[in-house]
Amino acid sequence: MEKDAILFHSQAEVTIATFQSSELTSVFEDSLSRKLQELISAGAAPKIVLDLSRLTFLGSTGVGALMAILGRIRKHNGQFAVVGLSGQARGVVEVCGLEKALMLFPDVPSAIQAMKRVPAAIPSH
């Protein structure tokens, strides 16, 4: 996977991660993890919208990567939404029951609006 497999930009205090490939791999998880660490180091609860509209295949590696990222974001009281899932990838998410764990939206604006309505969790001490 090339260096720019994920394009990042910010909008309304939310980081938009646009995936540029048709399959999630461990390189995807590494790239998103580095960005997540940057956000955590900056001191804010991370808010990430992952645009997977180009994704055509989701296998066990991709499912594992999504769940690992979700776990890290929740650990830091952040929010994580996935947009643009369709076809086989959407089917895998539904069969695995992940739609209950992931915030799924049809597009980026819908996800950002939902994140504005949900306050970040208060860290427990």
Protein backbone atom coordinates (compact mmCIF):
# COMPACT_ATOMS: atom_id res chain seq x y z
CA MET A 1 0.00 0.00 0.00
CA GLU A 2 1.43 3.38 -0.90
CA LYS A 3 2.33 6.11 1.59
CA ASP A 4 -0.87 8.09 1.03
CA ALA A 5 -3.25 5.17 1.59
CA ILE A 6 -5.12 7.34 4.10
CA LEU A 7 -5.64 11.05 3.56
CA PHE A 8 -6.25 13.09 6.71
CA HIS A 9 -7.89 16.47 7.16
CA SER A 10 -9.82 18.21 9.92
CA GLN A 11 -13.31 19.64 9.92
CA ALA A 12 -15.23 21.00 12.92
CA GLU A 13 -12.74 19.54 15.44
CA VAL A 14 -13.09 16.11 13.80
CA THR A 15 -10.31 14.28 11.98
CA ILE A 16 -11.51 12.83 8.69
CA ALA A 17 -9.50 9.80 7.54
CA THR A 18 -10.27 8.94 3.92
CA PHE A 19 -9.11 5.46 3.03
CA GLN A 20 -7.76 5.27 -0.52
CA SER A 21 -7.59 1.51 -1.07
CA SER A 22 -10.06 -1.30 -1.63
CA GLU A 23 -8.92 -3.49 1.30
CA LEU A 24 -7.95 -2.84 4.93
CA THR A 25 -4.55 -4.21 5.91
CA SER A 26 -2.21 -3.98 8.88
CA VAL A 27 -0.58 -0.97 7.16
CA PHE A 28 -3.94 0.80 7.50
CA GLU A 29 -3.99 0.12 11.24
CA ASP A 30 -0.42 1.38 11.64
CA SER A 31 -1.14 4.61 9.76
CA LEU A 32 -4.35 5.33 11.64
CA SER A 33 -2.69 4.43 14.95
CA ARG A 34 0.06 6.98 14.35
CA LYS A 35 -2.53 9.69 13.66
CA LEU A 36 -4.50 8.65 16.73
CA GLN A 37 -1.36 8.91 18.86
CA GLU A 38 -0.80 12.46 17.55
CA LEU A 39 -4.34 13.42 18.58
CA ILE A 40 -3.97 11.83 22.01
CA SER A 41 -0.62 13.56 22.54
CA ALA A 42 -2.30 16.88 21.73
CA GLY A 43 -4.47 16.31 24.80
CA ALA A 44 -7.93 16.18 23.26
CA ALA A 45 -10.34 13.25 23.19
CA PRO A 46 -9.95 12.03 19.60
CA LYS A 47 -12.87 12.33 17.19
CA ILE A 48 -12.24 10.36 14.01
CA VAL A 49 -14.49 9.75 11.02
CA LEU A 50 -13.18 6.94 8.83
CA ASP A 51 -14.40 7.17 5.24
CA LEU A 52 -14.39 3.66 3.76
CA SER A 53 -16.39 4.45 0.64
CA ARG A 54 -13.61 2.99 -1.57
CA LEU A 55 -13.45 -0.25 0.40
CA THR A 56 -14.65 -3.29 -1.55
CA PHE A 57 -13.34 -6.11 0.66
CA LEU A 58 -13.27 -6.48 4.43
CA GLY A 59 -11.58 -9.58 5.83
CA SER A 60 -10.56 -10.67 9.29
CA THR A 61 -7.46 -8.44 9.26
CA GLY A 62 -9.62 -5.40 8.53
CA VAL A 63 -12.19 -6.30 11.18
CA GLY A 64 -9.40 -6.73 13.72
CA ALA A 65 -7.89 -3.37 12.74
CA LEU A 66 -11.24 -1.58 13.10
CA MET A 67 -11.83 -3.08 16.53
CA ALA A 68 -8.29 -2.26 17.71
CA ILE A 69 -8.67 1.37 16.64
CA LEU A 70 -12.14 1.57 18.23
CA GLY A 71 -10.73 0.22 21.50
CA ARG A 72 -7.91 2.76 21.58
CA ILE A 73 -10.27 5.65 20.82
CA ARG A 74 -12.72 4.59 23.53
CA LYS A 75 -9.85 4.20 26.02
CA HIS A 76 -9.13 7.90 25.49
CA ASN A 77 -12.79 8.94 25.70
CA GLY A 78 -13.01 9.70 21.99
CA GLN A 79 -15.52 9.08 19.25
CA PHE A 80 -15.13 6.92 16.14
CA ALA A 81 -17.51 6.80 13.21
CA VAL A 82 -17.31 4.83 9.96
CA VAL A 83 -18.92 6.11 6.78
CA GLY A 84 -19.45 4.83 3.27
CA LEU A 85 -19.56 1.09 3.91
CA SER A 86 -21.33 -0.88 1.19
CA GLY A 87 -21.41 -4.26 -0.49
CA GLN A 88 -19.31 -7.07 0.95
CA ALA A 89 -17.70 -4.83 3.58
CA ARG A 90 -21.08 -3.71 4.95
CA GLY A 91 -22.24 -7.34 4.97
CA VAL A 92 -19.22 -8.44 7.03
CA VAL A 93 -19.84 -5.67 9.57
CA GLU A 94 -23.48 -6.74 9.89
CA VAL A 95 -22.73 -10.50 10.12
CA CYS A 96 -20.13 -9.85 12.82
CA GLY A 97 -22.58 -7.64 14.74
CA LEU A 98 -20.18 -4.69 14.55
CA GLU A 99 -22.91 -2.21 13.67
CA LYS A 100 -23.72 -2.28 17.40
CA ALA A 101 -20.16 -1.23 18.32
CA LEU A 102 -19.37 1.14 15.45
CA MET A 103 -21.14 4.41 14.71
CA LEU A 104 -22.10 3.86 11.05
CA PHE A 105 -23.23 6.69 8.76
CA PRO A 106 -23.82 7.06 5.04
CA ASP A 107 -21.51 10.08 4.69
CA VAL A 108 -19.05 12.38 6.48
CA PRO A 109 -21.48 15.28 7.16
CA SER A 110 -23.92 12.92 8.91
CA ALA A 111 -21.15 11.54 11.11
CA ILE A 112 -19.86 14.99 12.04
CA GLN A 113 -23.37 16.14 12.96
CA ALA A 114 -23.85 13.10 15.20
CA MET A 115 -20.51 13.69 16.93
CA LYS A 116 -21.52 17.26 17.71
CA ARG A 117 -24.64 15.96 19.49
CA VAL A 118 -22.79 13.36 21.58
CA PRO A 119 -20.61 14.84 24.34
CA ALA A 120 -17.24 13.24 24.91
CA ALA A 121 -17.14 10.84 27.83
CA ILE A 122 -15.82 12.15 31.13
CA PRO A 123 -12.68 10.25 32.12
CA SER A 124 -13.01 8.24 35.29
CA HIS A 125 -10.27 8.66 37.89
